Amino acid sequence: MVCELSGICGGCPLRCLDTARYQEQKLAAFRETLKHIRQDNIAEGKPVFVPDHTRRRASLAFSYKKGRLSLGFNAAKSAEIVNLSACPLLTSGLNAVLPAITRLLEDICAVPCNVKKGKKTFKQNIRGGDVWLTEAANGIDVVLEFDAEPELEHRMIVFEQAQAMPSVIRISHRRSPSAIIEPLVEKARPCIKIGGYDVYIPAGTFLQPSAEGEQALTGLVQKYMGDSEGAVADLFCGVGTFSYPLARNPANRVLAVDSSERLLEGFRRTVNKNMIPNIEIAAKNLFKYPLDDAELKGFNAVVFDPPRAGAAAQTARLAALPVGERPEKIIAVSCNPGTFVNDANTLVSAGYKLVEVTMVDQFVYSDHSELVALFTK
């Protein structure tokens, strides 16, 4: 789809290409990366290309200078913000709420905050930050991120304007990406549908950027599971994107592992609410403390979906297992084909076979690709 900001906005740098050329280039880059895997004859599944207007999760930057607010993605190779009134990447729901979010930020930034430096306190307007938007199944979740504590007047602005935004069901604040999130207004608890369940989303939770991409990934995981059943480990589980569909088979017993206690708290709440008996949840930093031989014993299948850094420590543990104690299947989901190559080579060198790998392109008109791959013993 043509965009008037193509070549200016850094949100989708490859939009200048026509659809056929873009998909061809994306697939060629993906295949070039796979050449670094030390195995011949790697089968490819049919690639999935997610269309425009599907991005349900977006992070937009904002700045406030001389009484004017800018909200949008950064310009290509620049820290300058390109103002957005609408974006072809985003869902219609997110596009519809952008003007109201702009007004909200204008009013918030116009009111000075108390800022402390040493022993001195002075007034200062909020000069910039980020807005995290997520379209859940029942409304839009907003996280305002700026490095200041909202004053009473800011909170009143949020409360009053939230009432005028019927599609927005929660607005929260945090001072930085790693800071504790404080809900300011919550009209309803945001939920999405995964595997037929209503799944609660804590504020700031990582989700797949599109529902269509999520469905493609979960569909491929289920395809690669095939008739396999039994004990399944879902590592780097997040909100349970793969745990819920896997648990639909009552013959499966799913161990879901992630490092975020706050995220897992919401996961446990949803599992308990839906009375799902065959999901067990555990907190563990798999980068520092991967599941060891004893913890991996008895699993018929392992699914892992790590952040961009990959799963080097965990794949090394899997590769080191005695042959008779290895999972029959390992299904890798990756948002970084580069680090996936390292994980794949660890498993292939240990004797696993990479049976098939499928590209999923849900970061439309960008250089990023995702994939799902099946390894068998």
Protein backbone atom coordinates (compact mmCIF):
# COMPACT_ATOMS: atom_id res chain seq x y z
CA MET A 1 0.00 0.00 0.00
CA VAL A 2 1.24 3.47 -0.89
CA CYS A 3 2.03 5.80 2.01
CA GLU A 4 2.73 9.52 1.65
CA LEU A 5 5.50 9.19 4.24
CA SER A 6 7.31 6.38 2.40
CA GLY A 7 11.03 7.08 2.39
CA ILE A 8 10.65 9.63 5.20
CA CYS A 9 9.25 7.63 8.11
CA GLY A 10 11.46 4.89 9.52
CA GLY A 11 8.53 2.67 10.51
CA CYS A 12 8.60 0.56 7.34
CA PRO A 13 11.75 1.30 5.30
CA LEU A 14 10.98 -1.13 2.45
CA ARG A 15 7.56 0.31 1.54
CA CYS A 16 9.10 1.91 -1.54
CA LEU A 17 9.14 -1.57 -3.16
CA ASP A 18 6.08 -3.02 -4.88
CA THR A 19 4.54 -6.03 -3.18
CA ALA A 20 6.06 -8.69 -5.44
CA ARG A 21 9.54 -7.20 -5.28
CA TYR A 22 9.33 -6.73 -1.52
CA GLN A 23 8.29 -10.33 -0.87
CA GLU A 24 10.94 -11.62 -3.24
CA GLN A 25 13.65 -9.58 -1.51
CA LYS A 26 12.46 -10.59 1.96
CA LEU A 27 12.46 -14.29 1.08
CA ALA A 28 15.88 -14.04 -0.60
CA ALA A 29 17.40 -12.48 2.53
CA PHE A 30 15.80 -15.20 4.67
CA ARG A 31 17.22 -17.96 2.47
CA GLU A 32 20.65 -16.35 2.48
CA THR A 33 20.66 -16.50 6.29
CA LEU A 34 19.69 -20.18 6.28
CA LYS A 35 22.75 -21.00 4.16
CA HIS A 36 24.81 -20.62 7.34
CA ILE A 37 23.15 -23.67 8.92
CA ARG A 38 25.44 -26.68 8.71
CA GLN A 39 22.93 -29.01 7.07
CA ASP A 40 22.14 -29.66 3.43
CA ASN A 41 18.66 -29.83 1.93
CA ILE A 42 16.63 -27.81 4.43
CA ALA A 43 12.98 -27.92 3.46
CA GLU A 44 10.99 -24.68 3.50
CA GLY A 45 7.34 -24.35 4.37
CA LYS A 46 5.13 -21.94 2.45
CA PRO A 47 6.06 -18.42 3.66
CA VAL A 48 3.41 -16.35 5.42
CA PHE A 49 3.13 -12.67 4.52
CA VAL A 50 0.94 -10.69 6.90
CA PRO A 51 -0.87 -7.77 5.20
CA ASP A 52 -1.07 -4.08 6.07
CA HIS A 53 -3.47 -2.73 8.71
CA THR A 54 -2.83 -5.67 11.05
CA ARG A 55 -0.31 -4.23 13.56
CA ARG A 56 -2.18 -4.33 16.87
CA ARG A 57 0.81 -3.27 18.96
CA ALA A 58 2.94 -0.21 18.33
CA SER A 59 5.42 2.04 20.13
CA LEU A 60 5.27 5.68 19.06
CA ALA A 61 7.64 8.43 20.17
CA PHE A 62 6.46 11.90 21.17
CA SER A 63 8.15 15.24 21.78
CA TYR A 64 6.87 18.56 23.11
CA LYS A 65 8.67 21.68 21.91
CA LYS A 66 7.51 25.30 22.03
CA GLY A 67 3.98 24.25 22.89
CA ARG A 68 3.68 21.82 19.97
CA LEU A 69 3.43 18.04 20.21
CA SER A 70 4.82 15.58 17.67
CA LEU A 71 3.71 11.94 17.76
CA GLY A 72 4.83 9.18 15.42
CA PHE A 73 7.69 6.93 14.37
CA ASN A 74 11.23 8.24 14.04
CA ALA A 75 12.30 9.44 10.62
CA ALA A 76 14.54 7.07 8.67
CA LYS A 77 18.04 7.04 10.24
CA SER A 78 17.13 9.98 12.47
CA ALA A 79 15.88 10.85 15.94
CA GLU A 80 13.38 13.32 14.45
CA ILE A 81 9.74 12.31 14.86
CA VAL A 82 7.50 12.07 11.81
CA ASN A 83 3.98 13.15 12.77
CA LEU A 84 1.36 10.50 12.07
CA SER A 85 -2.34 11.11 11.56
CA ALA A 86 -2.72 7.50 10.39
CA CYS A 87 -0.42 4.62 9.45
CA PRO A 88 -1.03 1.77 6.98
CA LEU A 89 0.75 -0.63 9.34
CA LEU A 90 -1.73 -0.13 12.18
CA THR A 91 -5.18 -1.60 12.70
CA SER A 92 -8.12 0.68 12.03
CA GLY A 93 -8.77 0.77 15.80
CA LEU A 94 -5.31 2.14 16.58
CA ASN A 95 -5.48 4.64 13.74
CA ALA A 96 -8.86 5.89 14.97
CA VAL A 97 -7.53 6.64 18.46
CA LEU A 98 -4.36 8.51 17.40
CA PRO A 99 -5.98 12.00 17.38
CA ALA A 100 -7.33 11.47 20.92
CA ILE A 101 -3.93 10.24 22.14
CA THR A 102 -2.32 13.33 20.60
CA ARG A 103 -4.75 15.61 22.46
CA LEU A 104 -4.13 13.73 25.70
CA LEU A 105 -0.36 14.14 25.40
CA GLU A 106 -0.69 17.82 24.47
CA ASP A 107 -2.66 18.50 27.63
CA ILE A 108 -0.35 16.42 29.83
CA CYS A 109 2.81 18.07 28.48
CA ALA A 110 1.33 21.55 28.90
CA VAL A 111 1.20 21.07 32.70
CA PRO A 112 4.63 21.28 34.42
CA CYS A 113 5.88 18.53 36.72
CA ASN A 114 7.89 18.82 39.91
CA VAL A 115 11.44 17.77 39.05
CA LYS A 116 14.11 17.14 41.69
CA LYS A 117 17.80 17.66 41.07
CA GLY A 118 19.87 17.23 44.20
CA LYS A 119 18.16 19.19 46.96
CA LYS A 120 16.35 21.50 44.56
CA THR A 121 12.85 21.07 43.17
CA PHE A 122 11.66 23.02 40.15
CA LYS A 123 8.84 22.95 37.60
CA GLN A 124 9.43 21.53 34.12
CA ASN A 125 7.20 20.44 31.26
CA ILE A 126 7.42 16.88 30.01
CA ARG A 127 9.55 17.14 26.88
CA GLY A 128 9.10 13.72 25.35
CA GLY A 129 8.75 9.99 25.74
CA ASP A 130 6.96 7.04 24.20
CA VAL A 131 3.41 5.75 23.92
CA TRP A 132 2.77 2.01 23.77
CA LEU A 133 -0.55 1.11 22.14
CA THR A 134 -2.09 -2.35 22.10
CA GLU A 135 -5.43 -3.27 20.61
CA ALA A 136 -6.86 -6.07 22.73
CA ALA A 137 -10.01 -8.00 21.88
CA ASN A 138 -12.11 -5.72 24.12
CA GLY A 139 -10.45 -2.34 23.61
CA ILE A 140 -7.21 -0.40 23.47
CA ASP A 141 -4.52 -0.45 26.15
CA VAL A 142 -2.27 2.61 26.46
CA VAL A 143 1.03 2.92 28.34
CA LEU A 144 2.45 6.44 28.63
CA GLU A 145 6.20 6.42 29.16
CA PHE A 146 7.95 9.59 30.31
CA ASP A 147 10.55 10.21 33.00
CA ALA A 148 8.46 12.17 35.51
CA GLU A 149 5.92 11.38 38.20
CA PRO A 150 2.41 12.42 37.12
CA GLU A 151 1.00 15.15 39.35
CA LEU A 152 -2.64 15.29 40.47
CA GLU A 153 -3.50 17.59 37.56
CA HIS A 154 -1.98 15.13 35.07
CA ARG A 155 -4.00 12.30 36.61
CA MET A 156 -7.18 14.34 36.34
CA ILE A 157 -6.45 15.01 32.66
CA VAL A 158 -6.00 11.28 32.05
CA PHE A 159 -9.18 10.41 33.94
CA GLU A 160 -11.33 13.02 32.19
CA GLN A 161 -10.06 12.31 28.69
CA ALA A 162 -10.27 8.55 29.16
CA GLN A 163 -14.00 8.92 29.66
CA ALA A 164 -14.20 10.58 26.23
CA MET A 165 -12.33 7.70 24.56
CA PRO A 166 -14.78 4.77 24.54
CA SER A 167 -12.36 2.45 22.75
CA VAL A 168 -9.58 2.97 25.34
CA ILE A 169 -10.05 0.65 28.33
CA ARG A 170 -6.82 1.22 30.27
CA ILE A 171 -4.18 3.96 30.54
CA SER A 172 -1.01 3.37 32.55
CA HIS A 173 2.28 5.17 33.18
CA ARG A 174 5.89 4.17 33.68
CA ARG A 175 9.07 6.22 33.85
CA SER A 176 11.22 3.89 31.72
CA PRO A 177 10.89 0.53 29.90
CA SER A 178 12.17 -1.34 33.00
CA ALA A 179 10.20 0.67 35.57
CA ILE A 180 7.09 -0.49 37.42
CA ILE A 181 3.90 0.32 35.53
CA GLU A 182 1.15 2.19 37.38
CA PRO A 183 -2.41 1.92 36.01
CA LEU A 184 -4.00 5.39 36.02
CA VAL A 185 -7.40 4.42 34.61
CA GLU A 186 -8.77 0.92 34.06
CA LYS A 187 -12.30 0.66 32.70
CA ALA A 188 -11.91 -3.03 31.82
CA ARG A 189 -9.21 -5.68 31.94
CA PRO A 190 -7.63 -6.02 28.47
CA CYS A 191 -7.84 -9.54 27.05
CA ILE A 192 -6.98 -11.31 23.81
CA LYS A 193 -8.11 -14.67 22.46
CA ILE A 194 -5.49 -17.43 22.38
CA GLY A 195 -6.42 -21.03 21.73
CA GLY A 196 -10.07 -20.25 22.44
CA TYR A 197 -9.33 -18.74 25.87
CA ASP A 198 -9.74 -15.15 27.06
CA VAL A 199 -6.17 -14.26 28.07
CA TYR A 200 -5.57 -11.27 30.38
CA ILE A 201 -2.83 -8.86 29.27
CA PRO A 202 -0.82 -7.07 31.98
CA ALA A 203 0.10 -3.50 31.02
CA GLY A 204 3.25 -3.37 28.92
CA THR A 205 3.20 -7.09 28.14
CA PHE A 206 4.97 -8.29 25.00
CA LEU A 207 2.58 -9.65 22.40
CA GLN A 208 3.02 -10.76 18.83
CA PRO A 209 2.56 -7.55 16.80
CA SER A 210 -0.46 -8.85 14.92
CA ALA A 211 -3.23 -11.34 15.60
CA GLU A 212 -2.71 -12.70 12.09
CA GLY A 213 0.99 -13.28 12.75
CA GLU A 214 0.21 -14.91 16.08
CA GLN A 215 -2.26 -17.27 14.41
CA ALA A 216 0.35 -18.16 11.79
CA LEU A 217 2.96 -18.94 14.45
CA THR A 218 0.62 -21.00 16.65
CA GLY A 219 -0.68 -22.82 13.57
CA LEU A 220 2.84 -23.80 12.55
CA VAL A 221 3.72 -24.96 16.07
CA GLN A 222 0.63 -27.18 16.08
CA LYS A 223 1.42 -28.41 12.57
CA TYR A 224 4.93 -29.40 13.63
CA MET A 225 3.65 -31.05 16.81
CA GLY A 226 1.52 -33.29 14.60
CA ASP A 227 0.45 -36.43 16.44
CA SER A 228 3.09 -35.98 19.16
CA GLU A 229 1.70 -35.64 22.66
CA GLY A 230 2.78 -36.00 26.25
CA ALA A 231 5.05 -33.72 28.28
CA VAL A 232 5.79 -30.46 26.46
CA ALA A 233 8.08 -27.63 27.62
CA ASP A 234 7.12 -24.13 26.43
CA LEU A 235 10.25 -22.09 27.07
CA PHE A 236 10.28 -18.27 27.00
CA CYS A 237 6.51 -18.71 27.15
CA GLY A 238 5.45 -15.06 27.51
CA VAL A 239 1.68 -14.74 27.98
CA GLY A 240 1.23 -18.36 26.93
CA THR A 241 0.92 -17.93 23.17
CA PHE A 242 1.78 -21.58 22.55
CA SER A 243 0.86 -23.08 25.93
CA TYR A 244 -2.87 -22.51 25.50
CA PRO A 245 -3.21 -24.22 22.09
CA LEU A 246 -0.95 -27.08 23.21
CA ALA A 247 -3.02 -27.56 26.37
CA ARG A 248 -6.17 -28.01 24.25
CA ASN A 249 -5.00 -31.61 23.83
CA PRO A 250 -5.76 -33.19 27.23
CA ALA A 251 -2.99 -35.74 26.61
CA ASN A 252 -0.40 -32.94 26.81
CA ARG A 253 1.14 -31.69 30.06
CA VAL A 254 2.67 -28.28 29.44
CA LEU A 255 5.43 -26.72 31.53
CA ALA A 256 5.52 -22.99 30.71
CA VAL A 257 8.71 -21.15 31.74
CA ASP A 258 9.62 -17.45 31.60
CA SER A 259 11.63 -15.01 33.71
CA SER A 260 9.04 -12.26 34.32
CA GLU A 261 7.13 -12.82 37.56
CA ARG A 262 4.77 -9.94 36.74
CA LEU A 263 3.91 -11.46 33.37
CA LEU A 264 3.55 -14.95 34.83
CA GLU A 265 1.20 -13.62 37.51
CA GLY A 266 -1.26 -12.64 34.79
CA PHE A 267 -0.68 -15.99 33.06
CA ARG A 268 -1.48 -17.90 36.28
CA ARG A 269 -4.60 -15.81 36.81
CA THR A 270 -5.89 -16.71 33.35
CA VAL A 271 -5.02 -20.41 33.73
CA ASN A 272 -6.85 -20.54 37.07
CA LYS A 273 -9.85 -18.60 35.77
CA ASN A 274 -10.22 -20.97 32.83
CA MET A 275 -9.51 -23.99 35.08
CA ILE A 276 -6.86 -25.41 32.75
CA PRO A 277 -5.45 -28.43 34.60
CA ASN A 278 -2.55 -29.35 32.31
CA ILE A 279 -0.46 -26.13 32.34
CA GLU A 280 2.20 -25.72 35.00
CA ILE A 281 3.95 -22.34 35.20
CA ALA A 282 7.48 -21.74 36.47
CA ALA A 283 9.66 -18.63 36.75
CA LYS A 284 13.27 -19.00 35.63
CA ASN A 285 15.86 -16.92 33.79
CA LEU A 286 16.64 -19.29 30.94
CA PHE A 287 19.57 -17.16 29.74
CA LYS A 288 21.45 -17.66 33.01
CA TYR A 289 19.82 -20.84 34.31
CA PRO A 290 18.54 -23.00 31.44
CA LEU A 291 16.63 -26.17 32.24
CA ASP A 292 19.23 -28.79 33.12
CA ASP A 293 19.37 -32.52 32.44
CA ALA A 294 17.11 -33.43 35.35
CA GLU A 295 14.55 -30.74 34.52
CA LEU A 296 14.46 -31.70 30.82
CA LYS A 297 14.02 -35.39 31.53
CA GLY A 298 10.78 -36.89 30.26
CA PHE A 299 9.76 -34.19 27.78
CA ASN A 300 8.54 -35.51 24.45
CA ALA A 301 8.68 -32.06 22.83
CA VAL A 302 10.23 -28.67 23.55
CA VAL A 303 8.99 -25.38 22.09
CA PHE A 304 11.13 -22.28 22.56
CA ASP A 305 10.50 -18.67 21.50
CA PRO A 306 13.34 -16.52 22.86
CA PRO A 307 13.92 -12.77 22.44
CA ARG A 308 16.23 -11.59 19.67
CA ALA A 309 19.32 -12.75 21.58
CA GLY A 310 18.37 -16.37 20.90
CA ALA A 311 18.47 -19.41 23.20
CA ALA A 312 22.16 -20.34 23.18
CA ALA A 313 22.34 -21.57 26.78
CA GLN A 314 19.18 -23.66 26.52
CA THR A 315 20.01 -25.22 23.15
CA ALA A 316 23.43 -26.15 24.51
CA ARG A 317 21.72 -28.00 27.36
CA LEU A 318 19.38 -29.78 24.94
CA ALA A 319 22.30 -30.75 22.72
CA ALA A 320 24.22 -32.16 25.69
CA LEU A 321 21.46 -34.56 26.73
CA PRO A 322 22.16 -38.29 26.29
CA VAL A 323 20.58 -39.44 23.02
CA GLY A 324 18.06 -41.66 24.77
CA GLU A 325 16.83 -38.81 26.96
CA ARG A 326 16.39 -36.18 24.27
CA PRO A 327 12.98 -34.81 23.27
CA GLU A 328 11.69 -36.37 20.05
CA LYS A 329 10.86 -32.91 18.68
CA ILE A 330 12.16 -29.41 19.22
CA ILE A 331 10.16 -26.58 17.70
CA ALA A 332 11.99 -23.27 17.49
CA VAL A 333 10.20 -19.95 17.04
CA SER A 334 12.51 -17.02 16.35
CA CYS A 335 12.22 -13.30 15.66
CA ASN A 336 15.89 -13.17 14.67
CA PRO A 337 17.02 -15.59 11.93
CA GLY A 338 20.64 -14.63 12.68
CA THR A 339 20.64 -15.97 16.24
CA PHE A 340 18.41 -18.84 15.14
CA VAL A 341 21.28 -20.01 12.91
CA ASN A 342 23.50 -20.34 16.00
CA ASP A 343 20.83 -22.28 17.90
CA ALA A 344 20.15 -24.49 14.88
CA ASN A 345 23.83 -25.31 14.40
CA THR A 346 24.09 -26.33 18.06
CA LEU A 347 21.21 -28.77 17.64
CA VAL A 348 22.30 -30.05 14.20
CA SER A 349 25.86 -30.62 15.42
CA ALA A 350 24.44 -32.73 18.26
CA GLY A 351 22.56 -34.97 15.83
CA TYR A 352 19.16 -33.31 15.46
CA LYS A 353 17.76 -32.91 11.95
CA LEU A 354 16.22 -29.62 10.82
CA VAL A 355 13.18 -31.01 9.04
CA GLU A 356 11.49 -27.80 7.90
CA VAL A 357 11.59 -24.06 8.49
CA THR A 358 8.88 -21.54 7.60
CA MET A 359 9.22 -17.77 7.37
CA VAL A 360 6.50 -15.59 8.88
CA ASP A 361 6.63 -11.94 7.80
CA GLN A 362 4.55 -9.93 10.26
CA PHE A 363 6.89 -6.91 10.44
CA VAL A 364 5.53 -5.59 7.17
CA TYR A 365 7.92 -3.67 4.89
CA SER A 366 10.81 -4.00 7.33
CA ASP A 367 14.07 -5.98 7.32
CA HIS A 368 12.84 -8.24 10.15
CA SER A 369 11.56 -11.79 9.68
CA GLU A 370 10.25 -14.46 12.02
CA LEU A 371 10.30 -18.20 11.57
CA VAL A 372 9.15 -21.50 12.97
CA ALA A 373 11.37 -24.59 12.60
CA LEU A 374 11.01 -28.28 13.37
CA PHE A 375 13.93 -30.40 14.60
CA THR A 376 13.61 -34.15 15.12
CA LYS A 377 15.86 -36.65 16.84
